Amino acid sequence: MGHDTVERPNLSFGRTDEPERGTPYARYVRLDELHSLQHPLSETPAELSFIVTTQVMELLFGLLRHEWTLAQHALRADDLPGALAALRRGTHVQDVLVESWDLLATLTPQEFNSFRPLFGEASGFQSAAFLHLEFLLGNKNPALLNMYRDSPGTLAELTEALRSPGLYDDALALLARRGLAVPDTVSEQRHRANEAVAAAWRRVYGEPEHAGLLPLAEALLDVAERVTRWRQRHLAAVKRAMGGKPGSGGSSGLTWLRRSAEQDVFPELWSIRDGL
């Protein structure tokens, strides 16, 4: 009897007069609020899957930003193990993001077209959380801030991200502090391949005295590869659901997504492989 009592879950939680009731779990993760946020605009069953998947992606964008920001702070503090740990956690988040496209993989054109007109000009391209990640990756474009002119808080946050070092900038700054000749790469424009940066990474891969930085190079490449996987899955999902139609937000649809998928993140880490 005593053993059964120990294993039986607690079903009484010492309720108080707090305005928020329910189980401690429901209060902690705000379940009532969370499950009240899905409001399909059509009778199409697939629309709920579309909304839930999009909301899950947004939450994961926020988590990934958290991990990459921690990695940046660790890099600035010369805490390489801490940076690698944050990047490793982030790759798991990226894996879930990539696989989340499976939830939309079977969305037919008929299903998508049945509710697509109802969300008007709304597009994932407008996601501030996603754009913040792009800026952290070095894919910066000041013109994109125009989307947020009516959202002062978001505009200020993204402007700061545009002007601040990205994840790759902080990694390269660490290389410079370790004695490698790396130029200042912080810019408000998209990072372009730089031969001096490539030369520094070649030394990391080829010179024993810099071998301690090799795990950082490979961790960054893990991040970059998963970004490409995400973009490719996005391209495939859109191609399957809507073909070559223009994007709801006014983009060129497949053309824009294909061009994005072909752009390497952290390009020098890819280009030097030709000669290793």
Protein backbone atom coordinates (compact mmCIF):
# COMPACT_ATOMS: atom_id res chain seq x y z
CA MET A 1 0.00 0.00 0.00
CA GLY A 2 2.83 2.39 0.90
CA HIS A 3 4.60 1.70 -2.39
CA ASP A 4 1.42 2.48 -4.35
CA THR A 5 1.01 5.73 -2.45
CA VAL A 6 4.51 6.87 -3.42
CA GLU A 7 3.94 6.19 -7.13
CA ARG A 8 0.46 7.70 -7.29
CA PRO A 9 0.60 11.23 -8.76
CA ASN A 10 -0.48 14.14 -6.62
CA LEU A 11 -4.02 15.17 -7.55
CA SER A 12 -4.42 17.95 -5.02
CA PHE A 13 -2.46 21.15 -5.55
CA GLY A 14 -3.27 23.29 -2.55
CA ARG A 15 -5.43 25.69 -4.51
CA THR A 16 -5.46 29.29 -3.36
CA ASP A 17 -7.55 32.35 -4.11
CA GLU A 18 -5.32 33.24 -7.07
CA PRO A 19 -7.31 34.52 -10.08
CA GLU A 20 -5.64 31.92 -12.34
CA ARG A 21 -6.97 28.49 -11.54
CA GLY A 22 -6.40 25.03 -12.98
CA THR A 23 -3.44 22.71 -12.57
CA PRO A 24 0.06 24.05 -11.88
CA TYR A 25 1.06 22.75 -15.32
CA ALA A 26 -1.72 24.70 -17.05
CA ARG A 27 -0.75 27.86 -15.19
CA TYR A 28 2.96 27.45 -15.85
CA VAL A 29 2.71 26.99 -19.63
CA ARG A 30 -0.41 29.17 -19.93
CA LEU A 31 -2.41 26.43 -21.61
CA ASP A 32 -5.73 28.27 -21.76
CA GLU A 33 -4.10 31.21 -23.50
CA LEU A 34 -2.05 29.00 -25.79
CA HIS A 35 -5.02 26.98 -27.02
CA SER A 36 -7.12 30.08 -27.56
CA LEU A 37 -4.84 31.46 -30.28
CA GLN A 38 -5.96 29.32 -33.22
CA HIS A 39 -8.74 30.92 -35.25
CA PRO A 40 -9.21 29.37 -38.71
CA LEU A 41 -10.99 31.61 -41.20
CA SER A 42 -12.43 28.78 -43.28
CA GLU A 43 -14.06 25.39 -42.86
CA THR A 44 -11.08 23.64 -44.49
CA PRO A 45 -9.65 21.13 -41.96
CA ALA A 46 -6.10 21.71 -43.21
CA GLU A 47 -6.17 25.38 -42.20
CA LEU A 48 -5.82 24.52 -38.52
CA SER A 49 -2.69 22.51 -39.28
CA PHE A 50 -1.35 25.49 -41.24
CA ILE A 51 -1.98 27.89 -38.35
CA VAL A 52 -0.59 25.59 -35.65
CA THR A 53 2.53 24.82 -37.69
CA THR A 54 3.14 28.50 -38.30
CA GLN A 55 2.73 29.33 -34.60
CA VAL A 56 5.07 26.50 -33.58
CA MET A 57 7.67 27.79 -36.05
CA GLU A 58 7.39 31.27 -34.53
CA LEU A 59 8.01 29.89 -31.05
CA LEU A 60 11.02 27.96 -32.31
CA PHE A 61 12.37 31.09 -34.01
CA GLY A 62 12.32 32.76 -30.61
CA LEU A 63 14.07 29.81 -28.97
CA LEU A 64 16.72 29.73 -31.69
CA ARG A 65 17.36 33.44 -31.29
CA HIS A 66 17.81 32.81 -27.56
CA GLU A 67 20.46 30.14 -28.19
CA TRP A 68 22.32 32.12 -30.84
CA THR A 69 22.35 35.18 -28.59
CA LEU A 70 23.81 33.10 -25.78
CA ALA A 71 26.43 31.83 -28.22
CA GLN A 72 27.30 35.41 -29.13
CA HIS A 73 27.70 36.40 -25.49
CA ALA A 74 29.94 33.39 -24.88
CA LEU A 75 32.08 34.20 -27.92
CA ARG A 76 32.53 37.77 -26.73
CA ALA A 77 33.64 36.42 -23.35
CA ASP A 78 36.12 34.02 -25.01
CA ASP A 79 34.05 31.16 -23.61
CA LEU A 80 34.37 28.73 -26.51
CA PRO A 81 32.82 25.72 -24.66
CA GLY A 82 29.81 27.85 -23.73
CA ALA A 83 29.40 29.04 -27.30
CA LEU A 84 29.63 25.49 -28.66
CA ALA A 85 27.03 24.28 -26.16
CA ALA A 86 24.58 27.01 -27.21
CA LEU A 87 25.19 26.33 -30.90
CA ARG A 88 24.66 22.61 -30.32
CA ARG A 89 21.34 23.26 -28.58
CA GLY A 90 20.41 25.54 -31.43
CA THR A 91 21.03 22.85 -34.03
CA HIS A 92 18.45 20.66 -32.30
CA VAL A 93 15.97 23.54 -32.57
CA GLN A 94 16.86 23.87 -36.26
CA ASP A 95 16.26 20.16 -36.80
CA VAL A 96 12.75 20.46 -35.37
CA LEU A 97 12.13 23.51 -37.54
CA VAL A 98 13.17 21.63 -40.66
CA GLU A 99 11.03 18.64 -39.80
CA SER A 100 8.04 20.86 -38.99
CA TRP A 101 7.54 21.25 -42.73
CA ASP A 102 6.29 17.65 -42.67
CA LEU A 103 3.09 18.95 -41.12
CA LEU A 104 2.39 20.87 -44.32
CA ALA A 105 3.95 18.46 -46.80
CA THR A 106 0.65 16.96 -47.91
CA LEU A 107 -1.26 20.24 -48.23
CA THR A 108 -2.85 20.07 -51.68
CA PRO A 109 -3.34 23.13 -53.93
CA GLN A 110 -7.11 22.76 -53.51
CA GLU A 111 -6.80 22.81 -49.71
CA PHE A 112 -4.39 25.74 -49.64
CA ASN A 113 -6.36 27.76 -52.18
CA SER A 114 -9.54 27.28 -50.15
CA PHE A 115 -8.23 29.54 -47.35
CA ARG A 116 -5.28 31.40 -48.88
CA PRO A 117 -7.38 34.40 -50.06
CA LEU A 118 -8.70 34.82 -46.51
CA PHE A 119 -5.36 35.85 -45.01
CA GLY A 120 -4.83 38.54 -47.63
CA GLU A 121 -1.30 39.93 -47.78
CA ALA A 122 -0.12 37.99 -44.71
CA SER A 123 3.11 36.11 -45.41
CA GLY A 124 5.79 34.36 -43.40
CA PHE A 125 8.19 36.76 -45.11
CA GLN A 126 6.82 39.40 -42.71
CA SER A 127 7.87 37.49 -39.57
CA ALA A 128 9.96 39.80 -37.39
CA ALA A 129 11.33 36.83 -35.44
CA PHE A 130 12.52 35.17 -38.64
CA LEU A 131 14.07 38.40 -39.94
CA HIS A 132 15.95 38.78 -36.66
CA LEU A 133 17.47 35.34 -37.24
CA GLU A 134 18.41 36.33 -40.79
CA PHE A 135 20.20 39.40 -39.45
CA LEU A 136 22.04 37.25 -36.89
CA LEU A 137 23.16 35.02 -39.77
CA GLY A 138 24.53 38.03 -41.67
CA ASN A 139 21.70 38.18 -44.21
CA LYS A 140 21.05 41.86 -43.63
CA ASN A 141 18.97 44.19 -45.77
CA PRO A 142 17.99 47.61 -44.36
CA ALA A 143 15.13 47.97 -46.84
CA LEU A 144 13.22 45.17 -45.11
CA LEU A 145 12.76 47.35 -42.04
CA ASN A 146 10.15 49.33 -43.96
CA MET A 147 7.65 46.57 -43.17
CA TYR A 148 7.70 47.55 -39.50
CA ARG A 149 7.21 51.32 -39.70
CA ASP A 150 3.90 50.96 -37.84
CA SER A 151 5.46 48.80 -35.10
CA PRO A 152 7.95 51.05 -33.25
CA GLY A 153 9.09 48.40 -30.76
CA THR A 154 9.76 45.80 -33.43
CA LEU A 155 11.43 48.39 -35.66
CA ALA A 156 13.78 49.47 -32.88
CA GLU A 157 14.69 45.88 -32.04
CA LEU A 158 15.42 44.95 -35.65
CA THR A 159 17.34 48.18 -36.26
CA GLU A 160 19.61 47.31 -33.35
CA ALA A 161 20.11 43.81 -34.77
CA LEU A 162 20.90 45.31 -38.18
CA ARG A 163 23.59 47.57 -36.74
CA SER A 164 25.07 45.06 -34.30
CA PRO A 165 27.49 42.18 -34.91
CA GLY A 166 25.86 38.96 -36.06
CA LEU A 167 26.75 35.47 -34.92
CA TYR A 168 29.41 35.07 -37.61
CA ASP A 169 30.89 38.50 -36.83
CA ASP A 170 31.40 37.46 -33.22
CA ALA A 171 33.00 34.19 -34.30
CA LEU A 172 35.41 36.06 -36.58
CA ALA A 173 36.21 38.54 -33.80
CA LEU A 174 37.25 35.59 -31.65
CA LEU A 175 39.54 34.39 -34.44
CA ALA A 176 41.11 37.85 -34.53
CA ARG A 177 41.72 37.77 -30.78
CA ARG A 178 43.39 34.38 -31.24
CA GLY A 179 45.96 35.90 -33.59
CA LEU A 180 44.39 35.39 -37.01
CA ALA A 181 44.22 38.24 -39.52
CA VAL A 182 40.50 38.83 -39.85
CA PRO A 183 38.98 42.12 -41.02
CA ASP A 184 36.11 43.81 -39.22
CA THR A 185 33.06 42.34 -40.96
CA VAL A 186 30.27 44.15 -39.06
CA SER A 187 28.00 45.78 -41.62
CA GLU A 188 24.38 46.72 -42.24
CA GLN A 189 24.52 44.83 -45.53
CA ARG A 190 24.52 41.11 -46.31
CA HIS A 191 27.84 39.41 -45.61
CA ARG A 192 29.80 38.79 -48.80
CA ALA A 193 32.56 36.22 -49.21
CA ASN A 194 35.89 37.74 -48.17
CA GLU A 195 39.24 36.23 -49.11
CA ALA A 196 40.90 37.39 -45.88
CA VAL A 197 38.21 35.60 -43.88
CA ALA A 198 38.66 32.50 -46.02
CA ALA A 199 42.43 32.61 -45.42
CA ALA A 200 41.87 32.73 -41.66
CA TRP A 201 39.61 29.67 -41.76
CA ARG A 202 42.19 27.81 -43.89
CA ARG A 203 44.71 28.38 -41.12
CA VAL A 204 42.23 27.03 -38.57
CA TYR A 205 41.87 23.85 -40.60
CA GLY A 206 45.51 23.54 -41.56
CA GLU A 207 47.70 24.81 -38.72
CA PRO A 208 47.99 22.82 -35.46
CA GLU A 209 48.35 25.94 -33.33
CA HIS A 210 44.82 27.00 -34.32
CA ALA A 211 43.22 23.56 -34.11
CA GLY A 212 41.36 24.57 -30.96
CA LEU A 213 39.12 26.73 -33.16
CA LEU A 214 38.20 23.85 -35.44
CA PRO A 215 35.15 22.83 -33.34
CA LEU A 216 33.82 26.36 -33.77
CA ALA A 217 34.20 26.16 -37.54
CA GLU A 218 32.36 22.85 -37.67
CA ALA A 219 29.63 24.04 -35.29
CA LEU A 220 29.02 27.08 -37.50
CA LEU A 221 28.87 24.83 -40.53
CA ASP A 222 26.28 22.69 -38.72
CA VAL A 223 24.20 25.84 -38.33
CA ALA A 224 24.70 26.87 -41.95
CA GLU A 225 23.80 23.46 -43.34
CA ARG A 226 20.54 23.40 -41.40
CA VAL A 227 19.66 26.88 -42.67
CA THR A 228 20.00 25.51 -46.20
CA ARG A 229 17.87 22.49 -45.33
CA TRP A 230 15.17 24.79 -43.94
CA ARG A 231 15.16 26.88 -47.11
CA GLN A 232 15.03 23.83 -49.35
CA ARG A 233 12.11 22.35 -47.42
CA HIS A 234 10.32 25.70 -47.57
CA LEU A 235 10.85 25.81 -51.33
CA ALA A 236 9.54 22.27 -51.77
CA ALA A 237 6.47 22.89 -49.58
CA VAL A 238 5.51 26.04 -51.49
CA LYS A 239 6.15 24.42 -54.85
CA ARG A 240 3.87 21.55 -53.91
CA ALA A 241 1.05 23.64 -52.41
CA MET A 242 0.91 26.60 -54.80
CA GLY A 243 3.34 26.09 -57.66
CA GLY A 244 4.80 29.22 -59.25
CA LYS A 245 2.13 31.69 -58.15
CA PRO A 246 3.34 35.00 -56.64
CA GLY A 247 3.71 34.97 -52.86
CA SER A 248 0.87 36.36 -50.76
CA GLY A 249 3.19 39.09 -49.46
CA GLY A 250 4.07 40.25 -52.97
CA SER A 251 7.28 38.27 -53.46
CA SER A 252 8.05 36.31 -56.60
CA GLY A 253 7.25 33.08 -54.79
CA LEU A 254 9.38 30.18 -56.01
CA THR A 255 11.92 32.45 -57.69
CA TRP A 256 12.65 34.27 -54.44
CA LEU A 257 12.75 31.05 -52.40
CA ARG A 258 15.03 29.31 -54.90
CA ARG A 259 17.47 32.21 -54.89
CA SER A 260 17.47 32.21 -51.09
CA ALA A 261 18.11 28.45 -50.96
CA GLU A 262 21.15 28.86 -53.21
CA GLN A 263 22.85 31.42 -50.97
CA ASP A 264 25.38 29.87 -48.60
CA VAL A 265 25.41 31.07 -45.01
CA PHE A 266 28.96 31.71 -43.73
CA PRO A 267 30.26 31.35 -47.32
CA GLU A 268 33.97 31.12 -46.55
CA LEU A 269 33.45 27.94 -44.52
CA TRP A 270 32.06 26.36 -47.69
CA SER A 271 34.46 27.79 -50.27
CA ILE A 272 37.66 26.74 -48.49
CA ARG A 273 36.63 23.09 -48.74
CA ASP A 274 37.71 23.07 -52.37
CA GLY A 275 41.34 23.22 -51.25
CA LEU A 276 41.35 21.26 -47.98
